[in-house]
Amino acid sequence: MATSIRLAPETEQRLAFLASQTGRTKAFYLREMIERGLEDMEDYYLAADVLERLRQGKEKVYSSSDVMNALNLDD
């Protein structure tokens, strides 16, 4: 999927410099940044959503002993 973005001139220059110095393409680094950044954003925003549901009482919390009992792992 092709996507275009506008970068600030300084960011474009830094990206171009990195690519030229390492022999990789700007697209390579952009893909890397997006994939790594997307993982971080998913972790943050999905966790924040669960936290909000917990605060609203819409999400059940289980203690470790509840889980152990449910899985018949208690001694």
N, C-alpha and C. Protein backbone atom coordinates (compact mmCIF):
# COMPACT_ATOMS: atom_id res chain seq x y z
N MET A 1 0.85 -1.17 0.00
CA MET A 1 0.00 0.00 0.00
C MET A 1 0.90 1.23 0.00
N ALA A 2 0.71 2.06 -0.92
CA ALA A 2 1.49 3.29 -1.02
C ALA A 2 0.85 4.37 -0.16
N THR A 3 1.68 5.04 0.60
CA THR A 3 1.23 6.13 1.46
C THR A 3 2.25 7.25 1.36
N SER A 4 1.78 8.47 1.39
CA SER A 4 2.74 9.57 1.34
C SER A 4 2.58 10.41 2.60
N ILE A 5 3.69 10.97 3.04
CA ILE A 5 3.68 11.85 4.20
C ILE A 5 4.57 13.06 3.91
N ARG A 6 4.32 14.13 4.60
CA ARG A 6 5.17 15.31 4.49
C ARG A 6 6.05 15.35 5.74
N LEU A 7 7.31 15.56 5.52
CA LEU A 7 8.25 15.67 6.62
C LEU A 7 8.77 17.09 6.70
N ALA A 8 9.10 17.50 7.91
CA ALA A 8 9.75 18.79 8.07
C ALA A 8 11.10 18.72 7.36
N PRO A 9 11.55 19.82 6.78
CA PRO A 9 12.82 19.80 6.05
C PRO A 9 13.99 19.22 6.86
N GLU A 10 14.07 19.56 8.13
CA GLU A 10 15.15 19.03 8.96
C GLU A 10 15.06 17.50 9.09
N THR A 11 13.85 17.00 9.26
CA THR A 11 13.65 15.56 9.37
C THR A 11 14.02 14.88 8.06
N GLU A 12 13.62 15.46 6.95
CA GLU A 12 13.95 14.92 5.63
C GLU A 12 15.47 14.87 5.45
N GLN A 13 16.15 15.93 5.85
CA GLN A 13 17.61 15.97 5.73
C GLN A 13 18.27 14.90 6.59
N ARG A 14 17.79 14.74 7.80
CA ARG A 14 18.35 13.72 8.69
C ARG A 14 18.14 12.33 8.13
N LEU A 15 16.95 12.08 7.61
CA LEU A 15 16.64 10.78 7.02
C LEU A 15 17.50 10.53 5.80
N ALA A 16 17.64 11.52 4.95
CA ALA A 16 18.47 11.38 3.74
C ALA A 16 19.93 11.12 4.12
N PHE A 17 20.42 11.81 5.15
CA PHE A 17 21.79 11.61 5.60
C PHE A 17 21.99 10.19 6.12
N LEU A 18 21.06 9.74 6.95
CA LEU A 18 21.15 8.38 7.49
C LEU A 18 21.17 7.36 6.36
N ALA A 19 20.28 7.52 5.40
CA ALA A 19 20.22 6.59 4.27
C ALA A 19 21.52 6.61 3.47
N SER A 20 22.04 7.79 3.19
CA SER A 20 23.26 7.88 2.38
C SER A 20 24.47 7.31 3.11
N GLN A 21 24.52 7.49 4.40
CA GLN A 21 25.66 7.02 5.18
C GLN A 21 25.64 5.51 5.40
N THR A 22 24.48 4.90 5.35
CA THR A 22 24.36 3.47 5.65
C THR A 22 24.11 2.62 4.41
N GLY A 23 23.83 3.27 3.28
CA GLY A 23 23.57 2.51 2.07
C GLY A 23 22.18 1.89 2.01
N ARG A 24 21.33 2.29 2.90
CA ARG A 24 19.94 1.80 2.88
C ARG A 24 19.05 2.91 2.32
N THR A 25 17.83 2.55 1.99
CA THR A 25 16.92 3.54 1.43
C THR A 25 16.17 4.28 2.54
N LYS A 26 15.67 5.45 2.20
CA LYS A 26 14.83 6.18 3.14
C LYS A 26 13.59 5.36 3.46
N ALA A 27 13.06 4.67 2.45
CA ALA A 27 11.87 3.84 2.65
C ALA A 27 12.13 2.75 3.69
N PHE A 28 13.33 2.18 3.67
CA PHE A 28 13.68 1.16 4.66
C PHE A 28 13.53 1.72 6.07
N TYR A 29 14.12 2.89 6.30
CA TYR A 29 14.06 3.49 7.64
C TYR A 29 12.66 3.93 8.01
N LEU A 30 11.91 4.43 7.07
CA LEU A 30 10.53 4.82 7.36
C LEU A 30 9.70 3.60 7.75
N ARG A 31 9.87 2.49 7.03
CA ARG A 31 9.15 1.26 7.39
C ARG A 31 9.54 0.81 8.80
N GLU A 32 10.83 0.83 9.09
CA GLU A 32 11.31 0.44 10.42
C GLU A 32 10.68 1.31 11.51
N MET A 33 10.71 2.61 11.30
CA MET A 33 10.17 3.53 12.30
C MET A 33 8.68 3.31 12.50
N ILE A 34 7.96 3.11 11.41
CA ILE A 34 6.52 2.91 11.52
C ILE A 34 6.21 1.61 12.23
N GLU A 35 6.89 0.53 11.87
CA GLU A 35 6.62 -0.76 12.50
C GLU A 35 6.93 -0.72 13.99
N ARG A 36 8.07 -0.17 14.35
CA ARG A 36 8.43 -0.09 15.77
C ARG A 36 7.52 0.88 16.51
N GLY A 37 7.25 2.00 15.90
CA GLY A 37 6.38 2.98 16.54
C GLY A 37 4.96 2.48 16.67
N LEU A 38 4.50 1.73 15.69
CA LEU A 38 3.15 1.19 15.74
C LEU A 38 3.00 0.21 16.90
N GLU A 39 4.00 -0.62 17.12
CA GLU A 39 3.97 -1.54 18.26
C GLU A 39 3.85 -0.77 19.57
N ASP A 40 4.64 0.28 19.71
CA ASP A 40 4.59 1.09 20.92
C ASP A 40 3.23 1.75 21.08
N MET A 41 2.69 2.28 20.00
CA MET A 41 1.40 2.95 20.06
C MET A 41 0.28 1.97 20.38
N GLU A 42 0.33 0.78 19.78
CA GLU A 42 -0.66 -0.25 20.11
C GLU A 42 -0.61 -0.59 21.59
N ASP A 43 0.60 -0.82 22.10
CA ASP A 43 0.75 -1.13 23.52
C ASP A 43 0.15 -0.03 24.38
N TYR A 44 0.49 1.19 24.08
CA TYR A 44 0.04 2.31 24.91
C TYR A 44 -1.47 2.52 24.82
N TYR A 45 -1.99 2.67 23.61
CA TYR A 45 -3.39 3.02 23.46
C TYR A 45 -4.33 1.87 23.82
N LEU A 46 -3.94 0.64 23.51
CA LEU A 46 -4.80 -0.48 23.89
C LEU A 46 -4.79 -0.68 25.40
N ALA A 47 -3.63 -0.48 26.03
CA ALA A 47 -3.56 -0.58 27.49
C ALA A 47 -4.36 0.54 28.15
N ALA A 48 -4.29 1.74 27.59
CA ALA A 48 -5.05 2.86 28.13
C ALA A 48 -6.55 2.59 28.03
N ASP A 49 -6.96 1.93 26.95
CA ASP A 49 -8.37 1.59 26.78
C ASP A 49 -8.81 0.59 27.84
N VAL A 50 -8.00 -0.43 28.10
CA VAL A 50 -8.32 -1.41 29.13
C VAL A 50 -8.37 -0.74 30.50
N LEU A 51 -7.41 0.14 30.77
CA LEU A 51 -7.38 0.84 32.05
C LEU A 51 -8.66 1.66 32.25
N GLU A 52 -9.10 2.32 31.20
CA GLU A 52 -10.34 3.10 31.30
C GLU A 52 -11.53 2.19 31.57
N ARG A 53 -11.58 1.04 30.91
CA ARG A 53 -12.68 0.09 31.17
C ARG A 53 -12.62 -0.42 32.60
N LEU A 54 -11.39 -0.64 33.12
CA LEU A 54 -11.25 -1.05 34.52
C LEU A 54 -11.79 0.02 35.46
N ARG A 55 -11.43 1.26 35.20
CA ARG A 55 -11.89 2.37 36.04
C ARG A 55 -13.41 2.51 36.02
N GLN A 56 -14.02 2.18 34.88
CA GLN A 56 -15.47 2.28 34.73
C GLN A 56 -16.19 1.03 35.24
N GLY A 57 -15.43 0.03 35.67
CA GLY A 57 -16.03 -1.20 36.16
C GLY A 57 -16.54 -2.10 35.05
N LYS A 58 -16.09 -1.89 33.84
CA LYS A 58 -16.55 -2.69 32.70
C LYS A 58 -15.63 -3.87 32.40
N GLU A 59 -14.58 -4.01 33.17
CA GLU A 59 -13.59 -5.06 32.93
C GLU A 59 -13.40 -5.82 34.24
N LYS A 60 -13.45 -7.14 34.20
CA LYS A 60 -13.28 -7.95 35.41
C LYS A 60 -11.81 -8.18 35.68
N VAL A 61 -11.46 -8.17 36.96
CA VAL A 61 -10.08 -8.42 37.38
C VAL A 61 -10.05 -9.72 38.16
N TYR A 62 -9.08 -10.55 37.86
CA TYR A 62 -8.92 -11.83 38.54
C TYR A 62 -7.61 -11.83 39.31
N SER A 63 -7.66 -12.35 40.52
CA SER A 63 -6.43 -12.48 41.30
C SER A 63 -5.69 -13.73 40.83
N SER A 64 -4.43 -13.81 41.19
CA SER A 64 -3.66 -14.99 40.79
C SER A 64 -4.24 -16.25 41.43
N SER A 65 -4.75 -16.15 42.64
CA SER A 65 -5.35 -17.34 43.27
C SER A 65 -6.63 -17.75 42.55
N ASP A 66 -7.42 -16.78 42.06
CA ASP A 66 -8.62 -17.11 41.26
C ASP A 66 -8.22 -17.90 40.01
N VAL A 67 -7.18 -17.44 39.34
CA VAL A 67 -6.72 -18.10 38.12
C VAL A 67 -6.19 -19.49 38.44
N MET A 68 -5.39 -19.59 39.49
CA MET A 68 -4.84 -20.90 39.89
C MET A 68 -5.97 -21.88 40.20
N ASN A 69 -6.98 -21.43 40.93
CA ASN A 69 -8.12 -22.28 41.26
C ASN A 69 -8.88 -22.69 40.00
N ALA A 70 -9.12 -21.76 39.12
CA ALA A 70 -9.87 -22.04 37.88
C ALA A 70 -9.15 -23.05 37.00
N LEU A 71 -7.83 -23.03 37.04
CA LEU A 71 -7.03 -23.95 36.22
C LEU A 71 -6.62 -25.21 36.99
N ASN A 72 -7.17 -25.36 38.20
CA ASN A 72 -6.83 -26.51 39.06
C ASN A 72 -5.33 -26.63 39.26
N LEU A 73 -4.66 -25.51 39.50
CA LEU A 73 -3.22 -25.49 39.72
C LEU A 73 -2.87 -25.25 41.18
N ASP A 74 -3.90 -25.13 42.02
CA ASP A 74 -3.61 -24.89 43.43
C ASP A 74 -3.11 -26.18 44.08
N ASP A 75 -2.30 -26.00 45.10
CA ASP A 75 -1.67 -27.17 45.77
C ASP A 75 -2.63 -27.91 46.62
